[in-house]
Amino acid sequence: MNILALSQKQKVTAFLIVLTIGFITLAIFTSSGSISIYKTQSKILTLSSGLDNLQGSQVSKAKEDIVSIVAAVNKDISFLNTLGLQSYANELGTSIGDFEAAVNPWLALMQELGFKIDEGKLGELKIACQYY
């Protein structure tokens, strides 16, 4: 019974210690997820900015980056669901699906046609026009 016979000061101190440990744990948990979300955003922005200067030989790397981004976003979605933010998780899932559905066909088409006038079908057409 001596353990339960704590003074009010000792009870408050114990409560504050437990509360502090809880806040530290929460901060570590949410910061690791938040950092992951910021890294994913950085990957998306890096890929998007590189699409303007892409060449046909770099399409496979871009597709690998897209697969990596989708995997990272899926982890972020599960993190958001863990926090109880299902509506944001659903919106993020829809957005990444739309992004993937738009970029992959565009990459395939541009790889075939050519990102620049000297690549792909455009390059072949340019060479053919030079002989006529």
Protein backbone atom coordinates (compact mmCIF):
# COMPACT_ATOMS: atom_id res chain seq x y z
CA MET A 1 0.00 0.00 0.00
CA ASN A 2 2.99 2.28 0.24
CA ILE A 3 3.08 2.63 -3.55
CA LEU A 4 -0.45 4.00 -3.64
CA ALA A 5 0.30 6.35 -0.79
CA LEU A 6 2.06 8.90 -2.97
CA SER A 7 1.94 12.57 -2.24
CA GLN A 8 0.07 14.89 -4.58
CA LYS A 9 3.39 16.24 -5.86
CA GLN A 10 4.65 12.72 -6.68
CA LYS A 11 1.40 11.86 -8.48
CA VAL A 12 1.59 15.04 -10.59
CA THR A 13 5.27 14.37 -11.37
CA ALA A 14 4.50 10.80 -12.44
CA PHE A 15 1.58 12.04 -14.56
CA LEU A 16 3.79 14.66 -16.24
CA ILE A 17 6.49 12.07 -16.98
CA VAL A 18 3.96 9.71 -18.58
CA LEU A 19 2.42 12.61 -20.53
CA THR A 20 5.84 13.77 -21.75
CA ILE A 21 6.76 10.28 -22.90
CA GLY A 22 3.45 10.10 -24.78
CA PHE A 23 4.06 13.43 -26.53
CA ILE A 24 7.59 12.44 -27.46
CA THR A 25 6.34 9.15 -28.91
CA LEU A 26 3.61 10.96 -30.84
CA ALA A 27 6.10 13.51 -32.19
CA ILE A 28 8.48 10.80 -33.36
CA PHE A 29 5.66 8.84 -34.99
CA THR A 30 4.12 11.79 -36.82
CA SER A 31 7.42 13.40 -37.80
CA SER A 32 8.63 10.22 -39.48
CA GLY A 33 5.42 10.08 -41.50
CA SER A 34 5.53 13.78 -42.29
CA ILE A 35 9.11 13.52 -43.47
CA SER A 36 8.08 10.66 -45.73
CA ILE A 37 5.31 12.79 -47.22
CA TYR A 38 7.72 15.68 -47.87
CA LYS A 39 10.22 13.30 -49.51
CA THR A 40 7.46 12.00 -51.77
CA GLN A 41 6.48 15.55 -52.73
CA SER A 42 10.10 16.27 -53.54
CA LYS A 43 10.31 13.19 -55.77
CA ILE A 44 7.15 14.25 -57.64
CA LEU A 45 8.43 17.79 -58.17
CA THR A 46 11.82 16.53 -59.33
CA LEU A 47 10.21 14.16 -61.84
CA SER A 48 7.79 16.84 -63.06
CA SER A 49 10.53 19.37 -63.60
CA GLY A 50 12.62 16.81 -65.50
CA LEU A 51 9.82 15.91 -67.93
CA ASP A 52 10.47 19.06 -69.97
CA ASN A 53 14.06 18.03 -70.71
CA LEU A 54 13.46 14.31 -71.11
CA GLN A 55 14.93 12.29 -73.96
CA GLY A 56 13.77 8.97 -75.34
CA SER A 57 16.61 7.11 -73.67
CA GLN A 58 15.52 8.40 -70.26
CA VAL A 59 11.94 7.11 -70.40
CA SER A 60 12.70 3.85 -68.60
CA LYS A 61 14.28 5.81 -65.72
CA ALA A 62 11.24 8.08 -65.57
CA LYS A 63 8.93 5.04 -65.44
CA GLU A 64 11.03 3.58 -62.60
CA ASP A 65 10.72 6.90 -60.78
CA ILE A 66 6.94 6.79 -61.22
CA VAL A 67 6.79 3.27 -59.77
CA SER A 68 8.92 4.47 -56.83
CA ILE A 69 6.66 7.47 -56.29
CA VAL A 70 3.51 5.34 -56.37
CA ALA A 71 5.02 2.97 -53.78
CA ALA A 72 5.98 5.92 -51.55
CA VAL A 73 2.51 7.44 -51.90
CA ASN A 74 0.92 4.13 -50.92
CA LYS A 75 2.98 4.21 -47.71
CA ASP A 76 1.87 7.80 -47.14
CA ILE A 77 -1.75 6.76 -47.67
CA SER A 78 -1.47 4.05 -45.01
CA PHE A 79 0.14 6.62 -42.66
CA LEU A 80 -2.75 9.04 -43.23
CA ASN A 81 -5.24 6.24 -42.61
CA THR A 82 -3.44 5.42 -39.35
CA LEU A 83 -3.92 9.03 -38.26
CA GLY A 84 -7.62 8.85 -39.09
CA LEU A 85 -7.37 11.09 -42.15
CA GLN A 86 -9.19 8.76 -44.54
CA SER A 87 -10.62 11.52 -46.73
CA TYR A 88 -7.14 12.91 -47.39
CA ALA A 89 -5.80 9.41 -47.96
CA ASN A 90 -8.55 8.70 -50.49
CA GLU A 91 -7.92 12.01 -52.26
CA LEU A 92 -4.19 11.29 -52.39
CA GLY A 93 -4.84 7.79 -53.76
CA THR A 94 -7.11 9.17 -56.46
CA SER A 95 -4.60 11.86 -57.39
CA ILE A 96 -1.66 9.49 -57.71
CA GLY A 97 -3.79 7.12 -59.78
CA ASP A 98 -4.75 9.99 -62.11
CA PHE A 99 -1.11 11.10 -62.31
CA GLU A 100 0.09 7.61 -63.21
CA ALA A 101 -2.74 7.14 -65.73
CA ALA A 102 -1.84 10.40 -67.45
CA VAL A 103 1.96 10.23 -67.41
CA ASN A 104 2.57 6.63 -68.51
CA PRO A 105 0.66 6.84 -71.84
CA TRP A 106 2.20 10.26 -72.50
CA LEU A 107 5.69 8.85 -71.92
CA ALA A 108 5.01 5.90 -74.24
CA LEU A 109 3.68 8.19 -76.97
CA MET A 110 6.50 10.69 -76.66
CA GLN A 111 9.09 7.90 -76.67
CA GLU A 112 7.67 6.66 -79.96
CA LEU A 113 7.24 10.09 -81.54
CA GLY A 114 10.31 11.66 -80.02
CA PHE A 115 10.75 14.33 -77.40
CA LYS A 116 12.76 16.44 -79.81
CA ILE A 117 12.60 16.83 -83.54
CA ASP A 118 15.63 14.58 -84.01
CA GLU A 119 14.26 11.59 -82.06
CA GLY A 120 11.81 8.81 -82.82
CA LYS A 121 9.28 9.07 -85.64
CA LEU A 122 9.78 12.84 -85.85
CA GLY A 123 13.49 12.27 -86.48
CA GLU A 124 12.72 9.68 -89.14
CA LEU A 125 10.28 12.09 -90.77
CA LYS A 126 12.85 14.89 -90.69
CA ILE A 127 15.46 12.67 -92.35
CA ALA A 128 12.94 11.51 -94.95
CA CYS A 129 11.99 15.12 -95.75
CA GLN A 130 15.62 16.07 -96.30
CA TYR A 131 15.86 13.69 -99.25
CA TYR A 132 12.84 15.14 -101.06
